[in-house]
Structure formats: structure tokens, C-alpha cells
Protein backbone atom coordinates (compact mmCIF):
# COMPACT_ATOMS: atom_id res chain seq x y z
CA MET A 1 18.44 21.98 58.97
CA LYS A 2 20.61 24.51 60.75
CA ARG A 3 20.18 22.73 64.09
CA LEU A 4 21.64 19.55 62.60
CA ALA A 5 24.68 21.24 61.15
CA TRP A 6 26.69 21.82 64.30
CA LEU A 7 27.88 19.85 67.28
CA SER A 8 27.25 21.39 70.70
CA PRO A 9 30.41 21.65 72.82
CA ILE A 10 29.40 18.91 75.29
CA ILE A 11 32.16 17.38 77.35
CA ALA A 12 31.45 13.64 77.47
CA ALA A 13 33.92 11.46 79.32
CA ALA A 14 32.43 8.37 77.74
CA MET A 15 32.68 9.68 74.20
CA VAL A 16 34.54 7.65 71.62
CA GLY A 17 37.40 9.83 70.46
CA ILE A 18 37.22 13.62 70.50
CA ALA A 19 34.80 15.36 68.19
CA THR A 20 36.38 18.04 66.07
CA PRO A 21 34.38 21.07 64.96
CA ALA A 22 32.45 20.44 61.76
CA SER A 23 33.33 22.38 58.68
CA ALA A 24 30.72 24.65 57.17
CA GLU A 25 29.94 21.98 54.58
CA GLU A 26 29.92 18.98 56.88
CA LEU A 27 26.85 17.82 58.74
CA VAL A 28 27.46 16.14 62.13
CA LEU A 29 25.04 13.60 63.58
CA LYS A 30 25.46 12.63 67.22
CA PHE A 31 24.94 8.92 67.90
CA ALA A 32 24.17 7.89 71.51
CA THR A 33 24.97 4.24 72.21
CA LEU A 34 24.07 4.31 75.96
CA ASP A 35 26.81 1.83 76.81
CA VAL A 36 30.45 1.94 77.87
CA PRO A 37 32.98 2.10 75.02
CA GLN A 38 34.26 -1.45 75.58
CA ALA A 39 30.80 -3.10 75.59
CA HIS A 40 30.55 -5.88 73.03
CA LEU A 41 27.58 -4.17 71.33
CA ASN A 42 29.68 -1.04 70.79
CA VAL A 43 32.88 -2.78 69.79
CA ARG A 44 31.27 -5.26 67.40
CA VAL A 45 28.22 -3.42 66.06
CA HIS A 46 27.76 0.30 66.78
CA HIS A 47 31.32 1.54 66.33
CA PRO A 48 32.02 -0.42 63.09
CA TRP A 49 28.67 0.68 61.69
CA ALA A 50 29.42 4.36 62.35
CA ALA A 51 32.96 3.98 61.00
CA LYS A 52 31.66 2.35 57.80
CA ILE A 53 29.20 5.17 57.22
CA ASN A 54 31.82 7.81 57.94
CA GLN A 55 34.11 6.22 55.37
CA GLN A 56 31.37 6.43 52.74
CA ALA A 57 30.28 9.92 53.78
CA LYS A 58 33.59 11.78 53.79
CA GLY A 59 33.03 15.44 52.99
CA ILE A 60 29.24 15.03 53.18
CA PHE A 61 28.48 14.31 56.82
CA ARG A 62 29.91 12.61 59.89
CA ILE A 63 28.58 10.50 62.73
CA ASP A 64 30.13 11.30 66.10
CA VAL A 65 29.65 8.46 68.56
CA PHE A 66 28.90 9.19 72.21
CA ASP A 67 29.12 6.18 74.51
CA GLY A 68 27.76 5.97 78.03
CA GLU A 69 24.94 8.10 79.38
CA ALA A 70 26.35 11.59 78.92
CA LEU A 71 23.66 12.52 76.41
CA ALA A 72 20.92 9.94 77.00
CA ASN A 73 19.99 6.86 79.00
CA HIS A 74 17.59 3.97 78.50
CA GLY A 75 14.81 5.92 80.19
CA ASN A 76 14.98 9.15 78.19
CA VAL A 77 16.62 8.25 74.89
CA TYR A 78 13.39 8.47 72.87
CA ASN A 79 12.76 12.03 74.05
CA GLN A 80 16.41 12.96 73.55
CA VAL A 81 16.16 11.93 69.91
CA VAL A 82 12.78 13.52 69.27
CA SER A 83 13.97 16.78 70.87
CA ASN A 84 17.17 16.68 68.76
CA VAL A 85 19.65 16.46 71.65
CA VAL A 86 21.06 13.52 69.69
CA GLN A 87 20.21 12.62 66.12
CA ILE A 88 20.76 8.83 66.17
CA ALA A 89 20.44 6.46 69.10
CA TRP A 90 20.25 2.85 70.20
CA GLY A 91 17.41 2.00 72.55
CA LEU A 92 14.57 -0.26 73.64
CA PRO A 93 11.20 0.89 72.25
CA SER A 94 9.31 -0.69 75.15
CA LEU A 95 10.84 1.83 77.56
CA ALA A 96 9.43 4.72 75.55
CA GLY A 97 5.87 3.58 76.28
CA LYS A 98 4.81 4.43 72.74
CA PHE A 99 4.98 1.07 70.96
CA PRO A 100 2.27 -1.30 72.26
CA LEU A 101 2.08 -3.15 68.93
CA LEU A 102 5.74 -4.12 69.23
CA ASP A 103 4.68 -6.23 72.20
CA VAL A 104 3.87 -8.86 69.59
CA THR A 105 7.52 -9.94 69.85
CA ALA A 106 7.23 -10.30 73.64
CA LEU A 107 4.41 -12.84 73.50
CA PRO A 108 5.44 -16.24 74.88
CA TYR A 109 5.61 -19.23 72.51
CA VAL A 110 5.20 -17.03 69.39
CA THR A 111 8.78 -16.39 68.26
CA GLN A 112 10.26 -19.87 68.17
CA GLY A 113 13.18 -19.06 65.90
CA ASP A 114 16.42 -17.24 66.56
CA SER A 115 17.06 -13.51 66.64
CA GLU A 116 18.18 -13.38 63.02
CA VAL A 117 14.84 -14.78 61.86
CA ALA A 118 12.75 -12.68 64.25
CA SER A 119 14.61 -9.44 63.49
CA THR A 120 14.19 -9.94 59.75
CA ALA A 121 10.50 -10.66 60.28
CA LEU A 122 10.06 -7.57 62.43
CA TRP A 123 11.59 -5.34 59.77
CA ARG A 124 9.24 -6.81 57.17
CA LEU A 125 6.32 -6.29 59.56
CA TYR A 126 7.34 -2.64 59.90
CA LYS A 127 7.45 -2.27 56.11
CA THR A 128 3.83 -3.49 55.80
CA GLY A 129 2.73 -0.21 57.36
CA LEU A 130 0.87 -1.89 60.21
CA LEU A 131 3.13 -0.16 62.73
CA ASP A 132 3.01 3.30 61.16
CA LYS A 133 0.84 4.75 63.93
CA GLU A 134 3.55 3.99 66.46
CA PHE A 135 6.43 5.19 64.29
CA ASP A 136 4.87 8.59 63.72
CA GLN A 137 7.74 10.51 65.35
CA VAL A 138 10.76 8.29 64.66
CA VAL A 139 12.32 6.37 61.79
CA PRO A 140 14.04 3.05 62.54
CA LEU A 141 17.37 2.42 60.84
CA LYS A 142 17.62 -1.08 62.31
CA LEU A 143 15.09 -3.21 64.16
CA ILE A 144 15.95 -6.29 66.17
CA VAL A 145 14.18 -8.85 68.31
CA PHE A 146 16.34 -10.11 71.13
CA PRO A 147 16.56 -13.88 71.52
CA GLN A 148 13.99 -15.51 73.75
CA SER A 149 13.94 -14.58 77.43
CA GLY A 150 14.31 -17.12 80.18
CA LEU A 151 14.27 -16.95 83.95
CA GLN A 152 17.40 -16.23 85.97
CA PHE A 153 17.35 -16.72 89.75
CA ARG A 154 19.59 -15.58 92.60
CA LYS A 155 18.92 -18.81 94.52
CA GLU A 156 17.53 -22.16 93.45
CA PRO A 157 13.72 -21.97 93.53
CA ARG A 158 11.95 -24.46 95.78
CA SER A 159 9.83 -25.67 92.88
CA LEU A 160 9.42 -25.05 89.18
CA GLU A 161 5.72 -25.81 89.29
CA SER A 162 5.14 -22.08 89.84
CA LEU A 163 6.88 -18.87 90.85
CA SER A 164 4.79 -18.52 94.00
CA GLY A 165 6.48 -16.38 96.65
CA LEU A 166 9.14 -15.04 94.27
CA LYS A 167 9.68 -11.44 93.21
CA ILE A 168 10.73 -11.38 89.56
CA ILE A 169 11.90 -8.39 87.54
CA ALA A 170 9.80 -8.10 84.39
CA GLY A 171 10.80 -5.52 81.78
CA SER A 172 7.47 -5.19 80.01
CA LYS A 173 3.72 -5.43 80.56
CA ILE A 174 3.59 -8.85 78.97
CA ALA A 175 6.56 -10.09 80.99
CA SER A 176 4.74 -8.94 84.11
CA GLU A 177 1.66 -10.88 83.06
CA ILE A 178 3.78 -13.99 82.50
CA VAL A 179 5.21 -13.70 86.01
CA GLN A 180 1.76 -13.15 87.53
CA ARG A 181 0.22 -16.10 85.72
CA LEU A 182 3.02 -18.28 87.02
CA GLY A 183 2.28 -17.15 90.57
CA GLY A 184 5.13 -14.66 91.04
CA ALA A 185 5.16 -10.97 91.91
CA PRO A 186 6.50 -8.82 89.02
CA LEU A 187 8.80 -5.87 89.68
CA SER A 188 9.47 -3.11 87.17
CA PHE A 189 13.05 -1.90 86.65
CA ARG A 190 15.12 -0.77 83.67
CA VAL A 191 17.70 -3.18 82.32
CA ASP A 192 20.53 -1.01 83.66
CA GLU A 193 18.98 -1.38 87.14
CA TYR A 194 18.78 -5.19 87.14
CA TYR A 195 22.20 -5.79 88.69
CA GLU A 196 21.73 -3.61 91.76
CA THR A 197 18.17 -4.82 92.31
CA LEU A 198 19.28 -8.45 92.30
CA GLN A 199 22.43 -7.77 94.28
CA ARG A 200 20.43 -6.16 97.08
CA GLY A 201 17.94 -9.02 97.14
CA THR A 202 15.06 -6.73 96.24
CA ALA A 203 14.25 -9.28 93.53
CA ASP A 204 14.61 -13.05 93.55
CA GLY A 205 15.07 -13.30 89.82
CA VAL A 206 14.63 -11.67 86.45
CA LEU A 207 12.88 -12.58 83.23
CA VAL A 208 15.62 -11.88 80.68
CA GLY A 209 17.73 -13.66 78.09
CA TRP A 210 21.44 -14.51 77.89
CA THR A 211 22.13 -11.38 75.84
CA ALA A 212 21.97 -9.23 78.99
CA PHE A 213 24.59 -11.24 80.87
CA ASN A 214 27.75 -9.84 79.34
CA PRO A 215 26.94 -6.10 79.31
CA PHE A 216 25.12 -6.06 82.66
CA LYS A 217 27.22 -8.69 84.53
CA LEU A 218 24.18 -10.71 85.55
CA ALA A 219 26.28 -13.84 86.11
CA GLU A 220 27.49 -12.16 89.28
CA VAL A 221 24.00 -11.87 90.75
CA THR A 222 22.12 -14.88 89.32
CA HIS A 223 23.18 -18.52 89.56
CA TYR A 224 20.21 -20.64 88.49
CA HIS A 225 18.99 -20.43 84.92
CA LEU A 226 15.85 -21.74 83.24
CA GLU A 227 15.51 -21.69 79.45
CA VAL A 228 11.87 -21.30 78.34
CA PRO A 229 10.63 -19.40 75.24
CA LEU A 230 9.01 -16.57 77.20
CA GLY A 231 9.13 -13.97 74.44
CA GLY A 232 11.69 -11.50 73.21
CA GLN A 233 12.10 -7.75 73.37
CA THR A 234 12.70 -5.26 70.61
CA GLY A 235 15.60 -2.91 70.11
CA TYR A 236 16.23 -0.27 67.50
CA ILE A 237 18.63 2.28 66.12
CA PHE A 238 16.52 5.27 65.18
CA MET A 239 16.23 8.93 64.25
CA ALA A 240 13.51 11.52 64.69
CA LYS A 241 11.25 11.56 61.64
CA LYS A 242 11.40 15.33 61.30
CA GLU A 243 15.20 15.24 61.29
CA TRP A 244 15.28 12.34 58.84
CA ASP A 245 12.95 14.18 56.48
CA ALA A 246 15.12 17.31 56.74
CA LEU A 247 18.34 15.55 55.77
CA PRO A 248 19.83 16.35 52.36
CA GLU A 249 19.19 13.57 49.85
CA PRO A 250 22.86 12.43 49.67
CA VAL A 251 22.88 11.98 53.45
CA ARG A 252 19.63 10.00 53.48
CA LYS A 253 20.90 7.85 50.63
CA ILE A 254 24.04 6.80 52.53
CA LEU A 255 22.15 6.17 55.77
CA ALA A 256 19.46 4.17 53.94
CA ALA A 257 22.14 2.03 52.28
CA ASN A 258 23.37 1.10 55.75
CA SER A 259 19.95 0.47 57.24
CA GLY A 260 16.97 -1.76 56.64
CA GLU A 261 16.36 -5.48 56.43
CA GLY A 262 19.92 -6.56 55.73
CA GLU A 263 21.30 -4.59 58.66
CA SER A 264 18.50 -5.84 60.91
CA ARG A 265 19.23 -9.45 59.92
CA ALA A 266 22.95 -9.01 60.62
CA PHE A 267 22.14 -7.35 63.95
CA GLY A 268 19.96 -10.32 64.90
CA ARG A 269 22.76 -12.70 63.92
CA PHE A 270 25.05 -10.84 66.30
CA TRP A 271 22.61 -11.38 69.16
CA ASP A 272 22.42 -15.09 68.37
CA GLU A 273 26.19 -15.21 68.77
CA VAL A 274 25.92 -13.29 72.04
CA VAL A 275 23.43 -15.84 73.38
CA LYS A 276 25.93 -18.64 72.93
CA GLU A 277 28.74 -16.56 74.39
CA GLY A 278 26.69 -15.41 77.37
CA LYS A 279 25.46 -18.89 78.14
CA ASP A 280 28.84 -20.59 77.67
CA GLN A 281 30.71 -18.00 79.73
CA THR A 282 28.14 -18.07 82.52
CA MET A 283 27.90 -21.84 82.76
CA ALA A 284 31.71 -22.12 82.82
CA LYS A 285 31.74 -20.20 86.10
CA PRO A 286 31.50 -22.14 89.37
CA GLY A 287 28.18 -22.17 91.19
CA HIS A 288 25.89 -21.94 88.16
CA LYS A 289 23.18 -24.45 87.31
CA LEU A 290 21.12 -24.80 84.14
CA MET A 291 17.61 -26.03 84.93
CA GLN A 292 14.97 -27.53 82.65
CA LEU A 293 11.25 -28.08 82.94
CA THR A 294 9.97 -31.62 82.84
CA ALA A 295 7.39 -32.46 80.17
CA ALA A 296 4.65 -32.19 82.80
CA GLN A 297 5.92 -28.83 84.03
CA GLU A 298 6.24 -27.55 80.47
CA LYS A 299 2.56 -28.38 79.87
CA VAL A 300 1.54 -26.57 83.06
CA TRP A 301 3.51 -23.48 82.05
CA HIS A 302 2.18 -23.54 78.51
CA ASP A 303 -1.40 -23.86 79.74
CA LYS A 304 -0.92 -20.93 82.12
CA ILE A 305 0.81 -18.48 79.78
CA GLY A 306 0.05 -19.73 76.27
CA VAL A 307 -3.28 -17.88 76.33
CA ILE A 308 -1.52 -14.51 76.63
CA ALA A 309 -1.03 -14.25 72.86
CA GLU A 310 -4.70 -14.98 72.18
CA GLN A 311 -5.83 -12.42 74.74
CA TRP A 312 -3.38 -9.84 73.39
CA SER A 313 -4.76 -10.28 69.89
CA LYS A 314 -8.24 -9.36 71.18
CA ALA A 315 -7.14 -6.38 73.28
CA ALA A 316 -7.19 -3.83 70.43
CA PRO A 317 -8.64 -3.84 66.90
CA GLU A 318 -5.24 -3.86 65.16
CA ASN A 319 -3.59 -6.47 67.39
CA ALA A 320 -5.05 -9.52 65.67
CA LYS A 321 -3.83 -8.35 62.26
CA VAL A 322 -0.35 -7.58 63.60
CA LEU A 323 -0.03 -10.97 65.32
CA ALA A 324 -1.30 -12.93 62.31
CA THR A 325 0.97 -11.03 59.93
CA TYR A 326 4.01 -11.40 62.19
CA LYS A 327 3.45 -15.17 62.48
CA GLU A 328 3.06 -15.45 58.71
CA ILE A 329 6.26 -13.50 58.06
CA LEU A 330 8.14 -15.47 60.72
CA ALA A 331 7.21 -18.74 59.01
CA LYS A 332 8.35 -17.45 55.61
CA VAL A 333 11.69 -16.16 56.93
CA ALA A 334 12.31 -19.36 58.87
CA ALA A 335 11.67 -21.34 55.69
CA GLY A 336 14.25 -19.28 53.84
CA GLY A 337 11.87 -16.88 52.16
């Protein structure tokens, strides 16, 4: 517990406000958001969430928010939390390489609903215990499934029959398989590397959704956009399990009251709003074109990549159960259950 009770004197230019030394009675939890202070995710979700908790936790504990990459980045945030450099963080589980079962959300043509539905379903899937093996070191406070990914191109592709001859950034193993099955060459880069990779022409396009456009300025480096339900990606706000377990009960109680299914649902609803904003703002700019597959092309794509979910379910003993359960929960949530 002692290691949680003080705030190291780290100078962080991107930090929100200035952290004041904690009193002997006050516990301080560092929250790494990984993004600039003015990012919509910080302004509309992370900062209000921390402020709400701090209001409820006066005299008990405090969350100090660190924006930017002073304490962690998308590549190392899991290890930074597990090693207690920060106590709470936002991140993408796929980049930690420790959550293969969460790839269920990345399967094409599985998650047909919006982010609110999928995020609620993912939290319920987590609560079944089927993902416990992967969450052995961390505790999620919120889980979300980003809205469906599409394809964003620097230049108009010669044909939509396939991606032959095109280098496409794919942020996960399944995304890479999608690109390969469509004839393209997948490239692996972190989301914060997409802009430079596209700007330099190292990649011809990226498999990603509208949610990445605002924070990563992808409208500046892609101009042709194809909407196809090619799977989502998961995100989470999380703590190390050993630190969570060591928290005093009053602290856990307040954090738990501001976590869970309701928070995950609201987080998903935010991303649904961001999809509309990202799409509307991008398409209002000159030089952008929204493309669509014809019915014949849609069938070709579905035939090529629709089998990925079936193959994934057979790849490991637990996969089939996770996929079946996730689909069942998705249907219930979508129906209002």
C-alpha cells in the first residue's frame, strides 16, 4: 500500500493541472490518458470521469490526470500499469499482446450493432468469467468496443474487387488476415504512427474506423473511404490487479461505483457520437469521397473474409465458447435486454 500513497515528483508538460503533494491521509492514483489535453476523449470522457470521482472521494483519495506520453504510451501502457508507474490508464488491450480472446470483437461481420451495444455486451462477456485467464494481472474499470472499422485510402483504389497491390495498415492479427484475404499486403503500426506512415506513402491505406480521424488527423492523409463492417477493436480503462486488491475498501467502493457496465455503455455511446462527428467533419472537407461496395462486390468480400470468424472459433479450445457467448449477449443487448 505504501507505494500507492505518494506521487513521484515527475515533471510532465502534458499533465492536466499541477499535482499537489498528497496529505498523509490521502491516497493519490496517477491516471495516464496517453493523449493531448484537448483531445475529445480527454475533454469529454477521461477528465470529467476523474473529476466526478475526485468530488466523491474528497479526503479519501485523489486521481491525478497525466495527459500525453510523459508516463506511458500506447506501446508500453500495460507494463507501466502492472509495474505501478501509473495506477490507472486508458489503452488498447490488443497492443499488450496478452488478450487473444478479445479478438472476438475484431472478427468481421460479427458485431453488427453500434459501439454502445457492443461495449455493453463485452462487459457482460467479461463478467461471465470466460476472459479471466487474460485478465489475470489487470482489472478493467471500463471496457469498450470501438465502432466497426472500414478502409481509408490515400488515393482512389483502381478497383474494389480486391486490395491487390495495396499496402494497408492493419492494427491486429485479424485485421492483417482480412487485408491478406482481400489480396493486400498488411503493415503493422501503432495507431499513433498511422499519420506519419500514410503521409510518407509507406502505406496506401489503413483499416480503421471514423473514431480515429479526429484525434489522429487522418482526414489529412486519407481521402477515399469505404464503410464495411470489418470488425472493431477493444479499449479499456484499467488498473493492476495487485494494486486494486490492495486498495482500502472505501477507495474500491467509489471506483467500483464509477466503473462497470453502465460506464462501459456510456463510453460506447460516446464513440457512436464520435463516428458521426468524424464522418461528417471529414466528408465536409474538399477532396474526400465516400465509396460503397456493390451487391456483387459485397458478396465477394463476405465470401473471402466471412470465414475468419469460423476459423477463429476453431483455433483454440475456448474460442468457440467465447464467440457463441458474445453473439448471444450481443443479440440480447441489441433487443433491449
